[in-house]
Amino acid sequence: MRYDLVIFDNDGVLVDSEPMSNRLLASYLTELGHPTSYEDSVRDYMGSAMHRVHDLVLERTGRRLPEDFDEVFHARVFAAFERELRAVPGVTDVLEKLAADGVPYCVASSGSHERIRVGHRTTGLDRWFTDERIFSSEDVGRGKPAPDLFLYAAERMGVAPGRCVVVEDSPLGVQAAVAAGMDVYGFTAMTPPERLEGAGRLFADMSELAGLLV
């Protein structure tokens, strides 16, 4: 194993949540008078913390989103998770191999702790991710593309940044990993490869990942 720690993004990498999350976000923003297509949401917000949604809407329109925006959005997302959410195909095999080989791993997500845990409970991934393996943008001052979250996760796991690899599917996440001085593997199942510029390796099927890590 060439790395001492594997850091997984959550949405789109561990759980197949990006399509429904971006669909719901686009719908809610449009409902509030900020016309947004699914493609717009993926381009502008995929992989980011919620503060980016607030910041971009304010910057573009001069209007603030409602105070209860996050609460309403997350309620809609969690309800959709209960109905539709699945683990990314092949990811449990990767986690099984890492655990069997004794390779440390964790998740570092722009999503809230609650969102991460709801998704993991729904998909059964909670058996792989105890509290000490879960890191959220809530834990740091700035979310991706700032490197803070990945650096915090590495510090808490006791591993130097240069000995970490990040598995990401968003441009913002790739930027954050590179800024943290970590290797990054880009998962292209949903994101065009050219949007993950900066990733050291690209792969389209999660079943490929275990072979890339050795």
C-alpha atoms as a PDB file:
ATOM      1  CA  MET A   1       0.000   0.000   0.000  1.00  0.00           C
ATOM      2  CA  ARG A   2       1.527   3.299  -1.078  1.00  0.00           C
ATOM      3  CA  TYR A   3      -0.541   5.453   1.304  1.00  0.00           C
ATOM      4  CA  ASP A   4      -1.027   5.610   5.069  1.00  0.00           C
ATOM      5  CA  LEU A   5      -4.547   7.044   4.847  1.00  0.00           C
ATOM      6  CA  VAL A   6      -7.352   6.951   2.288  1.00  0.00           C
ATOM      7  CA  ILE A   7      -9.735   9.914   2.600  1.00  0.00           C
ATOM      8  CA  PHE A   8     -13.104   9.486   0.891  1.00  0.00           C
ATOM      9  CA  ASP A   9     -15.431  12.241  -0.145  1.00  0.00           C
ATOM     10  CA  ASN A  10     -18.981  11.203   0.734  1.00  0.00           C
ATOM     11  CA  ASP A  11     -21.613  12.387  -1.746  1.00  0.00           C
ATOM     12  CA  GLY A  12     -21.087  10.687  -5.094  1.00  0.00           C
ATOM     13  CA  VAL A  13     -18.154   8.609  -3.840  1.00  0.00           C
ATOM     14  CA  LEU A  14     -19.571   6.594  -0.940  1.00  0.00           C
ATOM     15  CA  VAL A  15     -23.278   7.253  -1.411  1.00  0.00           C
ATOM     16  CA  ASP A  16     -25.013   7.867  -4.727  1.00  0.00           C
ATOM     17  CA  SER A  17     -26.594  11.114  -3.537  1.00  0.00           C
ATOM     18  CA  GLU A  18     -25.410  13.730  -6.017  1.00  0.00           C
ATOM     19  CA  PRO A  19     -28.183  13.313  -8.619  1.00  0.00           C
ATOM     20  CA  MET A  20     -31.019  13.635  -6.121  1.00  0.00           C
ATOM     21  CA  SER A  21     -29.309  16.374  -4.081  1.00  0.00           C
ATOM     22  CA  ASN A  22     -28.651  18.546  -7.113  1.00  0.00           C
ATOM     23  CA  ARG A  23     -32.123  17.923  -8.490  1.00  0.00           C
ATOM     24  CA  LEU A  24     -33.666  19.046  -5.198  1.00  0.00           C
ATOM     25  CA  LEU A  25     -31.344  22.030  -4.844  1.00  0.00           C
ATOM     26  CA  ALA A  26     -32.102  23.254  -8.357  1.00  0.00           C
ATOM     27  CA  SER A  27     -35.826  22.861  -7.729  1.00  0.00           C
ATOM     28  CA  TYR A  28     -35.750  24.704  -4.414  1.00  0.00           C
ATOM     29  CA  LEU A  29     -33.651  27.604  -5.706  1.00  0.00           C
ATOM     30  CA  THR A  30     -35.986  27.950  -8.686  1.00  0.00           C
ATOM     31  CA  GLU A  31     -38.982  27.859  -6.356  1.00  0.00           C
ATOM     32  CA  LEU A  32     -37.448  30.782  -4.429  1.00  0.00           C
ATOM     33  CA  GLY A  33     -37.041  32.862  -7.570  1.00  0.00           C
ATOM     34  CA  HIS A  34     -33.483  31.916  -8.504  1.00  0.00           C
ATOM     35  CA  PRO A  35     -33.931  29.907 -11.733  1.00  0.00           C
ATOM     36  CA  THR A  36     -31.458  27.017 -11.580  1.00  0.00           C
ATOM     37  CA  SER A  37     -31.242  23.934 -13.759  1.00  0.00           C
ATOM     38  CA  TYR A  38     -29.915  20.577 -12.633  1.00  0.00           C
ATOM     39  CA  GLU A  39     -26.842  21.194 -14.794  1.00  0.00           C
ATOM     40  CA  ASP A  40     -26.343  24.607 -13.152  1.00  0.00           C
ATOM     41  CA  SER A  41     -26.462  23.028  -9.710  1.00  0.00           C
ATOM     42  CA  VAL A  42     -23.933  20.336 -10.599  1.00  0.00           C
ATOM     43  CA  ARG A  43     -21.589  22.916 -12.128  1.00  0.00           C
ATOM     44  CA  ASP A  44     -21.791  25.485  -9.348  1.00  0.00           C
ATOM     45  CA  TYR A  45     -22.449  23.568  -6.141  1.00  0.00           C
ATOM     46  CA  MET A  46     -21.452  19.912  -6.444  1.00  0.00           C
ATOM     47  CA  GLY A  47     -18.960  19.070  -3.717  1.00  0.00           C
ATOM     48  CA  SER A  48     -19.358  22.355  -1.866  1.00  0.00           C
ATOM     49  CA  ALA A  49     -20.571  23.269   1.597  1.00  0.00           C
ATOM     50  CA  MET A  50     -23.918  25.029   1.971  1.00  0.00           C
ATOM     51  CA  HIS A  51     -22.314  28.401   2.574  1.00  0.00           C
ATOM     52  CA  ARG A  52     -21.243  28.424  -1.081  1.00  0.00           C
ATOM     53  CA  VAL A  53     -24.902  28.292  -2.171  1.00  0.00           C
ATOM     54  CA  HIS A  54     -25.688  31.292   0.037  1.00  0.00           C
ATOM     55  CA  ASP A  55     -22.577  33.173  -1.089  1.00  0.00           C
ATOM     56  CA  LEU A  56     -23.139  32.670  -4.831  1.00  0.00           C
ATOM     57  CA  VAL A  57     -26.831  33.554  -4.717  1.00  0.00           C
ATOM     58  CA  LEU A  58     -26.066  36.746  -2.772  1.00  0.00           C
ATOM     59  CA  GLU A  59     -23.198  37.633  -5.104  1.00  0.00           C
ATOM     60  CA  ARG A  60     -25.287  37.092  -8.247  1.00  0.00           C
ATOM     61  CA  THR A  61     -28.600  38.557  -7.160  1.00  0.00           C
ATOM     62  CA  GLY A  62     -27.954  40.769  -4.151  1.00  0.00           C
ATOM     63  CA  ARG A  63     -30.626  38.774  -2.293  1.00  0.00           C
ATOM     64  CA  ARG A  64     -30.143  36.519   0.688  1.00  0.00           C
ATOM     65  CA  LEU A  65     -31.690  33.084   0.881  1.00  0.00           C
ATOM     66  CA  PRO A  66     -34.263  32.538   3.662  1.00  0.00           C
ATOM     67  CA  GLU A  67     -32.920  31.895   7.146  1.00  0.00           C
ATOM     68  CA  ASP A  68     -34.483  28.436   7.142  1.00  0.00           C
ATOM     69  CA  PHE A  69     -33.083  27.535   3.699  1.00  0.00           C
ATOM     70  CA  ASP A  70     -30.652  24.904   4.985  1.00  0.00           C
ATOM     71  CA  GLU A  71     -33.234  23.357   7.289  1.00  0.00           C
ATOM     72  CA  VAL A  72     -35.885  23.059   4.566  1.00  0.00           C
ATOM     73  CA  PHE A  73     -33.410  21.794   1.973  1.00  0.00           C
ATOM     74  CA  HIS A  74     -31.969  19.141   4.267  1.00  0.00           C
ATOM     75  CA  ALA A  75     -35.443  17.956   5.253  1.00  0.00           C
ATOM     76  CA  ARG A  76     -36.217  17.394   1.564  1.00  0.00           C
ATOM     77  CA  VAL A  77     -32.875  15.681   0.991  1.00  0.00           C
ATOM     78  CA  PHE A  78     -33.250  13.356   3.986  1.00  0.00           C
ATOM     79  CA  ALA A  79     -36.754  12.379   2.886  1.00  0.00           C
ATOM     80  CA  ALA A  80     -35.387  11.532  -0.573  1.00  0.00           C
ATOM     81  CA  PHE A  81     -32.530   9.581   1.009  1.00  0.00           C
ATOM     82  CA  GLU A  82     -35.018   7.381   2.837  1.00  0.00           C
ATOM     83  CA  ARG A  83     -36.772   6.588  -0.450  1.00  0.00           C
ATOM     84  CA  GLU A  84     -33.927   6.369  -2.948  1.00  0.00           C
ATOM     85  CA  LEU A  85     -30.400   6.453  -1.552  1.00  0.00           C
ATOM     86  CA  ARG A  86     -27.987   3.633  -2.309  1.00  0.00           C
ATOM     87  CA  ALA A  87     -24.296   3.082  -1.713  1.00  0.00           C
ATOM     88  CA  VAL A  88     -22.111   3.653  -4.763  1.00  0.00           C
ATOM     89  CA  PRO A  89     -21.785   0.256  -6.475  1.00  0.00           C
ATOM     90  CA  GLY A  90     -18.523  -1.427  -5.555  1.00  0.00           C
ATOM     91  CA  VAL A  91     -17.611   0.811  -2.626  1.00  0.00           C
ATOM     92  CA  THR A  92     -18.289  -1.817   0.041  1.00  0.00           C
ATOM     93  CA  ASP A  93     -15.780  -4.106  -1.667  1.00  0.00           C
ATOM     94  CA  VAL A  94     -13.169  -1.339  -1.462  1.00  0.00           C
ATOM     95  CA  LEU A  95     -13.915  -0.757   2.224  1.00  0.00           C
ATOM     96  CA  GLU A  96     -13.754  -4.480   2.957  1.00  0.00           C
ATOM     97  CA  LYS A  97     -10.325  -4.704   1.347  1.00  0.00           C
ATOM     98  CA  LEU A  98      -8.982  -1.672   3.198  1.00  0.00           C
ATOM     99  CA  ALA A  99     -10.241  -3.071   6.494  1.00  0.00           C
ATOM    100  CA  ALA A 100      -8.830  -6.533   5.762  1.00  0.00           C
ATOM    101  CA  ASP A 101      -5.447  -5.039   4.879  1.00  0.00           C
ATOM    102  CA  GLY A 102      -5.444  -2.786   7.947  1.00  0.00           C
ATOM    103  CA  VAL A 103      -5.273   0.412   5.880  1.00  0.00           C
ATOM    104  CA  PRO A 104      -6.645   3.479   7.722  1.00  0.00           C
ATOM    105  CA  TYR A 105      -9.456   5.350   5.985  1.00  0.00           C
ATOM    106  CA  CYS A 106     -11.984   8.068   6.769  1.00  0.00           C
ATOM    107  CA  VAL A 107     -14.563  10.336   5.152  1.00  0.00           C
ATOM    108  CA  ALA A 108     -14.164  14.117   4.776  1.00  0.00           C
ATOM    109  CA  SER A 109     -17.320  15.697   3.386  1.00  0.00           C
ATOM    110  CA  SER A 110     -18.684  19.155   2.671  1.00  0.00           C
ATOM    111  CA  GLY A 111     -21.978  17.852   4.039  1.00  0.00           C
ATOM    112  CA  SER A 112     -23.045  18.190   7.656  1.00  0.00           C
ATOM    113  CA  HIS A 113     -22.446  15.455  10.200  1.00  0.00           C
ATOM    114  CA  GLU A 114     -26.174  14.779  10.201  1.00  0.00           C
ATOM    115  CA  ARG A 115     -26.273  14.409   6.423  1.00  0.00           C
ATOM    116  CA  ILE A 116     -23.305  12.024   6.450  1.00  0.00           C
ATOM    117  CA  ARG A 117     -24.802   9.861   9.179  1.00  0.00           C
ATOM    118  CA  VAL A 118     -28.294   9.755   7.669  1.00  0.00           C
ATOM    119  CA  GLY A 119     -26.810   8.637   4.367  1.00  0.00           C
ATOM    120  CA  HIS A 120     -24.644   5.998   5.995  1.00  0.00           C
ATOM    121  CA  ARG A 121     -27.465   4.596   8.129  1.00  0.00           C
ATOM    122  CA  THR A 122     -29.754   4.402   5.116  1.00  0.00           C
ATOM    123  CA  THR A 123     -27.215   2.568   2.973  1.00  0.00           C
ATOM    124  CA  GLY A 124     -25.619   0.394   5.660  1.00  0.00           C
ATOM    125  CA  LEU A 125     -22.260   2.144   5.379  1.00  0.00           C
ATOM    126  CA  ASP A 126     -22.436   3.120   9.050  1.00  0.00           C
ATOM    127  CA  ARG A 127     -20.793  -0.210   9.901  1.00  0.00           C
ATOM    128  CA  TRP A 128     -17.641   1.057   8.176  1.00  0.00           C
ATOM    129  CA  PHE A 129     -17.567   4.601   9.545  1.00  0.00           C
ATOM    130  CA  THR A 130     -17.445   5.096  13.294  1.00  0.00           C
ATOM    131  CA  ASP A 131     -17.475   8.631  14.672  1.00  0.00           C
ATOM    132  CA  GLU A 132     -13.689   8.958  14.707  1.00  0.00           C
ATOM    133  CA  ARG A 133     -13.611   8.307  10.944  1.00  0.00           C
ATOM    134  CA  ILE A 134     -16.128  11.053  10.030  1.00  0.00           C
ATOM    135  CA  PHE A 135     -15.115  14.645   9.277  1.00  0.00           C
ATOM    136  CA  SER A 136     -17.380  17.426   8.018  1.00  0.00           C
ATOM    137  CA  SER A 137     -16.927  20.975   6.801  1.00  0.00           C
ATOM    138  CA  GLU A 138     -18.752  21.847  10.034  1.00  0.00           C
ATOM    139  CA  ASP A 139     -15.498  20.966  11.821  1.00  0.00           C
ATOM    140  CA  VAL A 140     -13.445  23.669  10.092  1.00  0.00           C
ATOM    141  CA  GLY A 141     -13.802  27.326   9.178  1.00  0.00           C
ATOM    142  CA  ARG A 142     -13.789  26.916   5.394  1.00  0.00           C
ATOM    143  CA  GLY A 143     -15.138  24.160   3.188  1.00  0.00           C
ATOM    144  CA  LYS A 144     -13.764  22.905  -0.112  1.00  0.00           C
ATOM    145  CA  PRO A 145     -11.979  24.165  -2.256  1.00  0.00           C
ATOM    146  CA  ALA A 146      -9.992  25.309   0.800  1.00  0.00           C
ATOM    147  CA  PRO A 147      -7.678  22.532   2.052  1.00  0.00           C
ATOM    148  CA  ASP A 148      -8.728  22.931   5.692  1.00  0.00           C
ATOM    149  CA  LEU A 149     -11.043  19.919   5.899  1.00  0.00           C
ATOM    150  CA  PHE A 150      -8.580  17.451   4.412  1.00  0.00           C
ATOM    151  CA  LEU A 151      -5.739  18.792   6.556  1.00  0.00           C
ATOM    152  CA  TYR A 152      -7.935  18.516   9.648  1.00  0.00           C
ATOM    153  CA  ALA A 153      -8.877  14.918   8.817  1.00  0.00           C
ATOM    154  CA  ALA A 154      -5.229  13.956   8.291  1.00  0.00           C
ATOM    155  CA  GLU A 155      -4.204  15.610  11.552  1.00  0.00           C
ATOM    156  CA  ARG A 156      -6.932  13.856  13.520  1.00  0.00           C
ATOM    157  CA  MET A 157      -6.014  10.530  11.941  1.00  0.00           C
ATOM    158  CA  GLY A 158      -2.338  11.139  12.727  1.00  0.00           C
ATOM    159  CA  VAL A 159      -1.051  10.982   9.139  1.00  0.00           C
ATOM    160  CA  ALA A 160       1.111  13.504   7.277  1.00  0.00           C
ATOM    161  CA  PRO A 161      -0.641  15.096   4.260  1.00  0.00           C
ATOM    162  CA  GLY A 162       1.938  13.707   1.859  1.00  0.00           C
ATOM    163  CA  ARG A 163       1.033  10.166   2.928  1.00  0.00           C
ATOM    164  CA  CYS A 164      -2.682  10.621   2.160  1.00  0.00           C
ATOM    165  CA  VAL A 165      -4.740   9.996  -0.958  1.00  0.00           C
ATOM    166  CA  VAL A 166      -8.152  11.594  -1.452  1.00  0.00           C
ATOM    167  CA  VAL A 167     -10.940  10.002  -3.508  1.00  0.00           C
ATOM    168  CA  GLU A 168     -13.063  12.778  -5.008  1.00  0.00           C
ATOM    169  CA  ASP A 169     -15.677  13.310  -7.703  1.00  0.00           C
ATOM    170  CA  SER A 170     -15.974  17.107  -7.707  1.00  0.00           C
ATOM    171  CA  PRO A 171     -13.712  19.852  -9.059  1.00  0.00           C
ATOM    172  CA  LEU A 172     -13.871  21.692  -5.735  1.00  0.00           C
ATOM    173  CA  GLY A 173     -12.794  18.569  -3.888  1.00  0.00           C
ATOM    174  CA  VAL A 174      -9.884  17.953  -6.246  1.00  0.00           C
ATOM    175  CA  GLN A 175      -8.744  21.550  -5.768  1.00  0.00           C
ATOM    176  CA  ALA A 176      -8.916  21.145  -1.997  1.00  0.00           C
ATOM    177  CA  ALA A 177      -6.913  17.908  -2.021  1.00  0.00           C
ATOM    178  CA  VAL A 178      -4.214  19.386  -4.252  1.00  0.00           C
ATOM    179  CA  ALA A 179      -4.025  22.476  -2.030  1.00  0.00           C
ATOM    180  CA  ALA A 180      -3.605  20.173   0.970  1.00  0.00           C
ATOM    181  CA  GLY A 181      -0.571  18.551  -0.651  1.00  0.00           C
ATOM    182  CA  MET A 182      -2.287  15.195  -1.047  1.00  0.00           C
ATOM    183  CA  ASP A 183      -2.576  12.847  -3.987  1.00  0.00           C
ATOM    184  CA  VAL A 184      -6.093  12.693  -5.401  1.00  0.00           C
ATOM    185  CA  TYR A 185      -7.899  10.103  -7.486  1.00  0.00           C
ATOM    186  CA  GLY A 186     -10.817  11.442  -9.495  1.00  0.00           C
ATOM    187  CA  PHE A 187     -14.006   9.373  -9.761  1.00  0.00           C
ATOM    188  CA  THR A 188     -15.574  10.140 -13.127  1.00  0.00           C
ATOM    189  CA  ALA A 189     -18.847   8.199 -12.881  1.00  0.00           C
ATOM    190  CA  MET A 190     -20.780  11.461 -12.832  1.00  0.00           C
ATOM    191  CA  THR A 191     -18.179  14.132 -13.544  1.00  0.00           C
ATOM    192  CA  PRO A 192     -16.524  14.586 -16.962  1.00  0.00           C
ATOM    193  CA  PRO A 193     -12.805  13.774 -16.657  1.00  0.00           C
ATOM    194  CA  GLU A 194     -11.768  17.196 -17.936  1.00  0.00           C
ATOM    195  CA  ARG A 195     -13.480  18.819 -14.931  1.00  0.00           C
ATOM    196  CA  LEU A 196     -11.239  16.888 -12.527  1.00  0.00           C
ATOM    197  CA  GLU A 197      -8.026  18.418 -13.765  1.00  0.00           C
ATOM    198  CA  GLY A 198      -5.408  18.070 -11.077  1.00  0.00           C
ATOM    199  CA  ALA A 199      -6.301  14.521 -10.109  1.00  0.00           C
ATOM    200  CA  GLY A 200      -3.317  12.211 -10.403  1.00  0.00           C
ATOM    201  CA  ARG A 201      -5.458   9.324 -11.600  1.00  0.00           C
ATOM    202  CA  LEU A 202      -8.974   9.021 -12.960  1.00  0.00           C
ATOM    203  CA  PHE A 203     -11.325   6.040 -12.768  1.00  0.00           C
ATOM    204  CA  ALA A 204     -14.925   5.528 -13.818  1.00  0.00           C
ATOM    205  CA  ASP A 205     -15.866   2.371 -11.903  1.00  0.00           C
ATOM    206  CA  MET A 206     -15.435   2.026  -8.139  1.00  0.00           C
ATOM    207  CA  SER A 207     -14.309  -1.562  -8.628  1.00  0.00           C
ATOM    208  CA  GLU A 208     -11.087  -0.152 -10.116  1.00  0.00           C
ATOM    209  CA  LEU A 209     -10.079   1.762  -7.008  1.00  0.00           C
ATOM    210  CA  ALA A 210      -8.620  -1.021  -4.880  1.00  0.00           C
ATOM    211  CA  GLY A 211      -6.189  -1.908  -7.665  1.00  0.00           C
ATOM    212  CA  LEU A 212      -5.113   1.706  -8.050  1.00  0.00           C
ATOM    213  CA  LEU A 213      -4.280   2.094  -4.373  1.00  0.00           C
ATOM    214  CA  VAL A 214      -1.653  -0.655  -4.163  1.00  0.00           C
END
